[in-house]
Amino acid sequence: MTTADDTGALWLRRYHPADADAVRLVCFPHAGGSASFYHPVSSRFAPAAEVLSLQYPGRQDRRKEPCVEDLGRLADLVTEQLLALDDRPTVFFGHSMGAALAFETAWRLEQKDAGPLTVIASGRRGPSTTRAEEVHLRDDDGIVAEMKRLNGTAAGVLGDEEILRMALPALRGDYRAIETYSCPPDRTVRCGITVLTGDGDPLTTVEEAERWQDHTEGPFRLRVFTGGHFFLTQHLTAVNGEIADALDLARSAPAS
């Protein structure tokens, strides 16, 4: 029998202990990504922040579970996990698919008056912008080609057939989730949104990143970096600075 605590441990990874009064940072991985991508973030901000990194089904120790191929359903499941936690000031950080998932989760939590104070959306165009994308319909070689184009996977993984075959089902499932995702143009969150984007990202133009402004009733900020889709790996200090600023605001937020 799986208990609620067991389920939470499957979904939410805590790599470092946190102070009892720590604010919370929830990290949402990109398509094909795993919780461990954010281990350095946890190391950077713990123990002053409780850093939780999501582990979606279908990867690493959850690879035997089917991927969730609908972003709305995935947001529902993540929302359930976060509602089970104690109440404390919270910041969301999501990259690429994770940015859209963070937004959808924030919107769901706000319906229950439990939303985050800020969503930091990295490497993703505004939720209601659309493109014709069909990476999830490609064969395995086509998905690998996309991974190389975005330079989001270490060359060692791309060259290791066994590891790559293990990763491909999660990649395909995540691509299906994000490429079939549709957001109503009038869907907004009350919390602030900070958007980080690369000026050479083939998946998001600066103009498309600006469209996040249409989806918040709170403060909006856009910061453009040099680089492509995974610009954040080139600008770790600056990206961590954005997270630090959001966490500082969370610490100073009045108690609800």
Protein backbone atom coordinates (compact mmCIF):
# COMPACT_ATOMS: atom_id res chain seq x y z
CA MET A 1 0.00 0.00 0.00
CA THR A 2 1.32 3.45 -0.94
CA THR A 3 0.80 6.14 1.69
CA ALA A 4 0.49 9.87 1.10
CA ASP A 5 4.03 10.35 2.41
CA ASP A 6 5.33 7.69 0.00
CA THR A 7 3.60 9.43 -2.89
CA GLY A 8 5.04 12.78 -1.87
CA ALA A 9 8.54 11.32 -1.78
CA LEU A 10 8.08 10.00 -5.31
CA TRP A 11 7.10 13.41 -6.67
CA LEU A 12 9.05 15.88 -4.51
CA ARG A 13 12.77 15.45 -3.95
CA ARG A 14 14.54 17.19 -1.08
CA TYR A 15 18.29 17.00 -1.54
CA HIS A 16 19.25 19.13 1.45
CA PRO A 17 17.64 19.88 4.84
CA ALA A 18 15.97 23.23 5.40
CA ASP A 19 15.45 25.51 8.36
CA ALA A 20 12.10 25.22 10.10
CA ASP A 21 11.10 28.73 9.00
CA ALA A 22 12.55 28.45 5.48
CA VAL A 23 10.66 29.78 2.48
CA ARG A 24 9.97 27.23 -0.25
CA LEU A 25 11.30 26.93 -3.81
CA VAL A 26 9.62 24.39 -6.10
CA CYS A 27 11.56 23.49 -9.26
CA PHE A 28 9.87 22.15 -12.40
CA PRO A 29 12.16 20.29 -14.87
CA HIS A 30 12.16 20.65 -18.66
CA ALA A 31 10.97 18.01 -21.14
CA GLY A 32 12.95 14.83 -20.55
CA GLY A 33 14.46 16.38 -17.44
CA SER A 34 14.55 14.96 -13.94
CA ALA A 35 14.63 16.25 -10.39
CA SER A 36 18.41 15.91 -10.19
CA PHE A 37 18.83 18.74 -12.72
CA TYR A 38 18.12 21.08 -9.80
CA HIS A 39 20.48 19.49 -7.26
CA PRO A 40 22.92 22.44 -7.64
CA VAL A 41 20.04 24.85 -6.99
CA SER A 42 19.19 23.00 -3.80
CA SER A 43 22.82 23.13 -2.73
CA ARG A 44 22.92 26.87 -3.41
CA PHE A 45 19.79 27.89 -1.49
CA ALA A 46 19.39 25.38 1.35
CA PRO A 47 18.94 25.58 4.32
CA ALA A 48 17.48 29.11 4.12
CA ALA A 49 15.05 27.77 1.51
CA GLU A 50 13.30 24.43 1.34
CA VAL A 51 14.10 23.41 -2.23
CA LEU A 52 11.76 20.81 -3.71
CA SER A 53 12.48 19.39 -7.14
CA LEU A 54 9.75 17.57 -9.00
CA GLN A 55 10.31 14.07 -10.31
CA TYR A 56 7.80 13.34 -13.05
CA PRO A 57 6.77 9.74 -13.79
CA GLY A 58 8.71 7.91 -16.51
CA ARG A 59 12.32 8.82 -15.66
CA GLN A 60 15.18 7.72 -13.43
CA ASP A 61 13.78 5.78 -10.47
CA ARG A 62 10.24 6.31 -11.84
CA ARG A 63 11.05 5.06 -15.34
CA LYS A 64 8.74 2.03 -15.03
CA GLU A 65 5.76 4.32 -14.52
CA PRO A 66 3.92 5.63 -17.58
CA CYS A 67 4.62 9.23 -18.51
CA VAL A 68 1.81 11.73 -18.05
CA GLU A 69 1.28 12.94 -21.61
CA ASP A 70 -1.27 15.67 -20.87
CA LEU A 71 0.08 18.84 -19.27
CA GLY A 72 -3.22 19.68 -17.59
CA ARG A 73 -3.39 16.25 -15.98
CA LEU A 74 0.23 16.57 -14.88
CA ALA A 75 -0.58 19.95 -13.31
CA ASP A 76 -3.51 18.35 -11.47
CA LEU A 77 -1.22 15.68 -10.01
CA VAL A 78 1.47 18.17 -9.00
CA THR A 79 -1.17 20.38 -7.41
CA GLU A 80 -2.33 17.46 -5.25
CA GLN A 81 1.21 16.95 -3.99
CA LEU A 82 1.79 20.61 -3.17
CA LEU A 83 -1.55 20.99 -1.39
CA ALA A 84 -0.44 18.25 1.02
CA LEU A 85 2.50 20.38 2.21
CA ASP A 86 2.49 22.87 5.07
CA ASP A 87 1.73 26.47 4.17
CA ARG A 88 4.75 28.76 3.70
CA PRO A 89 5.81 31.50 1.25
CA THR A 90 6.64 29.82 -2.03
CA VAL A 91 8.39 30.56 -5.31
CA PHE A 92 8.09 28.42 -8.46
CA PHE A 93 10.93 28.04 -10.97
CA GLY A 94 10.34 26.17 -14.22
CA HIS A 95 12.37 25.80 -17.39
CA SER A 96 10.84 25.14 -20.82
CA MET A 97 7.98 22.64 -20.33
CA GLY A 98 8.51 23.19 -16.62
CA ALA A 99 7.63 26.88 -17.01
CA ALA A 100 4.24 26.07 -18.53
CA LEU A 101 3.65 23.41 -15.88
CA ALA A 102 4.59 25.84 -13.09
CA PHE A 103 2.08 28.36 -14.47
CA GLU A 104 -0.72 25.80 -14.71
CA THR A 105 0.03 24.52 -11.21
CA ALA A 106 0.06 28.06 -9.83
CA TRP A 107 -3.31 28.76 -11.47
CA ARG A 108 -4.81 25.61 -9.92
CA LEU A 109 -3.40 26.38 -6.49
CA GLU A 110 -4.77 29.92 -6.63
CA GLN A 111 -8.26 28.49 -7.02
CA LYS A 112 -7.70 27.10 -3.51
CA ASP A 113 -5.97 30.23 -2.18
CA ALA A 114 -2.68 28.36 -1.97
CA GLY A 115 -0.69 29.80 -4.85
CA PRO A 116 2.96 30.85 -4.95
CA LEU A 117 4.10 34.44 -4.59
CA THR A 118 6.12 34.36 -7.81
CA VAL A 119 6.53 32.15 -10.87
CA ILE A 120 9.92 32.35 -12.59
CA ALA A 121 9.33 31.13 -16.14
CA SER A 122 12.53 30.28 -18.01
CA GLY A 123 12.97 29.34 -21.65
CA ARG A 124 9.31 29.25 -22.64
CA ARG A 125 7.02 31.48 -24.66
CA GLY A 126 3.83 32.91 -23.21
CA PRO A 127 1.27 30.19 -22.37
CA SER A 128 -1.31 31.11 -25.00
CA THR A 129 1.15 31.59 -27.87
CA THR A 130 1.08 28.75 -30.37
CA ARG A 131 3.43 27.06 -32.80
CA ALA A 132 3.01 23.98 -34.98
CA GLU A 133 5.33 21.49 -33.24
CA GLU A 134 5.41 17.74 -33.81
CA VAL A 135 8.65 16.50 -32.27
CA HIS A 136 6.66 13.88 -30.35
CA LEU A 137 5.59 12.34 -33.68
CA ARG A 138 9.16 11.85 -34.93
CA ASP A 139 11.06 8.59 -34.82
CA ASP A 140 13.81 8.11 -32.25
CA ASP A 141 16.47 9.63 -34.53
CA GLY A 142 14.29 12.70 -34.99
CA ILE A 143 13.97 13.22 -31.24
CA VAL A 144 17.73 12.81 -30.80
CA ALA A 145 18.26 15.41 -33.52
CA GLU A 146 16.06 17.85 -31.62
CA MET A 147 17.98 17.23 -28.42
CA LYS A 148 21.23 18.03 -30.20
CA ARG A 149 19.73 21.16 -31.75
CA LEU A 150 18.77 22.48 -28.34
CA ASN A 151 22.05 21.33 -26.78
CA GLY A 152 20.16 20.32 -23.66
CA THR A 153 21.69 16.91 -23.08
CA ALA A 154 25.29 16.10 -22.28
CA ALA A 155 27.22 14.72 -25.21
CA GLY A 156 28.05 11.64 -23.16
CA VAL A 157 24.38 10.75 -22.84
CA LEU A 158 23.80 11.23 -26.56
CA GLY A 159 26.65 8.86 -27.25
CA ASP A 160 25.52 6.17 -24.81
CA GLU A 161 22.87 4.10 -26.57
CA GLU A 162 21.66 2.33 -23.42
CA ILE A 163 21.14 5.56 -21.47
CA LEU A 164 19.58 7.23 -24.49
CA ARG A 165 17.07 4.42 -24.99
CA MET A 166 16.08 4.77 -21.35
CA ALA A 167 15.54 8.52 -21.78
CA LEU A 168 13.62 8.47 -25.06
CA PRO A 169 10.21 7.36 -23.68
CA ALA A 170 10.23 10.24 -21.17
CA LEU A 171 11.32 12.69 -23.86
CA ARG A 172 8.58 11.58 -26.24
CA GLY A 173 5.93 11.68 -23.52
CA ASP A 174 6.98 15.12 -22.33
CA TYR A 175 7.11 16.48 -25.87
CA ARG A 176 3.60 15.17 -26.45
CA ALA A 177 2.43 16.89 -23.25
CA ILE A 178 3.92 20.29 -24.07
CA GLU A 179 3.27 20.24 -27.82
CA THR A 180 -0.43 19.46 -27.34
CA TYR A 181 -0.80 21.96 -24.48
CA SER A 182 -3.29 24.76 -24.99
CA CYS A 183 -3.88 27.67 -22.64
CA PRO A 184 -6.95 29.94 -22.75
CA PRO A 185 -5.83 33.48 -23.67
CA ASP A 186 -7.68 34.92 -20.66
CA ARG A 187 -6.13 32.60 -18.06
CA THR A 188 -4.22 34.68 -15.53
CA VAL A 189 -2.59 34.22 -12.15
CA ARG A 190 -2.60 36.78 -9.36
CA CYS A 191 1.05 36.22 -8.49
CA GLY A 192 3.94 37.95 -10.20
CA ILE A 193 5.76 36.40 -13.14
CA THR A 194 9.44 36.84 -13.92
CA VAL A 195 10.47 35.61 -17.36
CA LEU A 196 14.01 34.62 -18.33
CA THR A 197 14.82 33.93 -21.97
CA GLY A 198 17.75 33.49 -24.32
CA ASP A 199 18.09 35.85 -27.27
CA GLY A 200 18.99 32.93 -29.54
CA ASP A 201 16.43 30.40 -28.31
CA PRO A 202 14.96 28.60 -31.35
CA LEU A 203 11.82 27.79 -29.38
CA THR A 204 11.03 31.23 -27.99
CA THR A 205 11.48 34.69 -29.44
CA VAL A 206 11.77 37.69 -27.14
CA GLU A 207 8.36 38.86 -28.40
CA GLU A 208 6.82 35.48 -27.52
CA ALA A 209 8.43 35.62 -24.07
CA GLU A 210 6.87 39.05 -23.53
CA ARG A 211 3.43 37.47 -23.95
CA TRP A 212 3.70 36.09 -20.42
CA GLN A 213 2.65 39.59 -19.38
CA ASP A 214 -0.85 38.78 -20.64
CA HIS A 215 -1.18 36.04 -18.04
CA THR A 216 -0.47 37.80 -14.75
CA GLU A 217 -2.37 40.32 -12.67
CA GLY A 218 0.75 40.88 -10.58
CA PRO A 219 4.20 42.33 -11.26
CA PHE A 220 5.86 41.30 -14.52
CA ARG A 221 9.53 41.34 -15.40
CA LEU A 222 11.41 40.09 -18.46
CA ARG A 223 15.15 39.51 -18.55
CA VAL A 224 16.91 38.56 -21.78
CA PHE A 225 20.20 36.65 -21.73
CA THR A 226 22.62 35.78 -24.48
CA GLY A 227 22.37 32.17 -25.55
CA GLY A 228 19.98 29.53 -26.77
CA HIS A 229 17.34 27.35 -25.18
CA PHE A 230 19.58 26.30 -22.29
CA PHE A 231 21.02 29.77 -21.72
CA LEU A 232 20.69 29.21 -17.97
CA THR A 233 23.67 26.84 -17.92
CA GLN A 234 25.82 29.73 -19.25
CA HIS A 235 24.43 32.27 -16.78
CA LEU A 236 24.11 30.30 -13.55
CA THR A 237 25.15 33.18 -11.30
CA ALA A 238 22.66 35.60 -12.82
CA VAL A 239 19.83 33.05 -12.85
CA ASN A 240 20.53 32.18 -9.23
CA GLY A 241 20.43 35.91 -8.52
CA GLU A 242 16.90 36.08 -9.92
CA ILE A 243 15.87 33.15 -7.72
CA ALA A 244 17.54 34.76 -4.69
CA ASP A 245 15.65 38.02 -5.28
CA ALA A 246 12.33 36.17 -5.48
CA LEU A 247 13.07 34.23 -2.30
CA ASP A 248 14.00 37.44 -0.49
CA LEU A 249 10.66 38.95 -1.48
CA ALA A 250 8.94 35.79 -0.23
CA ARG A 251 10.68 36.13 3.15
CA SER A 252 9.47 39.71 3.49
CA ALA A 253 5.91 38.95 2.40
CA PRO A 254 3.27 39.58 5.07
CA ALA A 255 1.77 36.48 6.65
CA SER A 256 -1.51 35.44 5.04
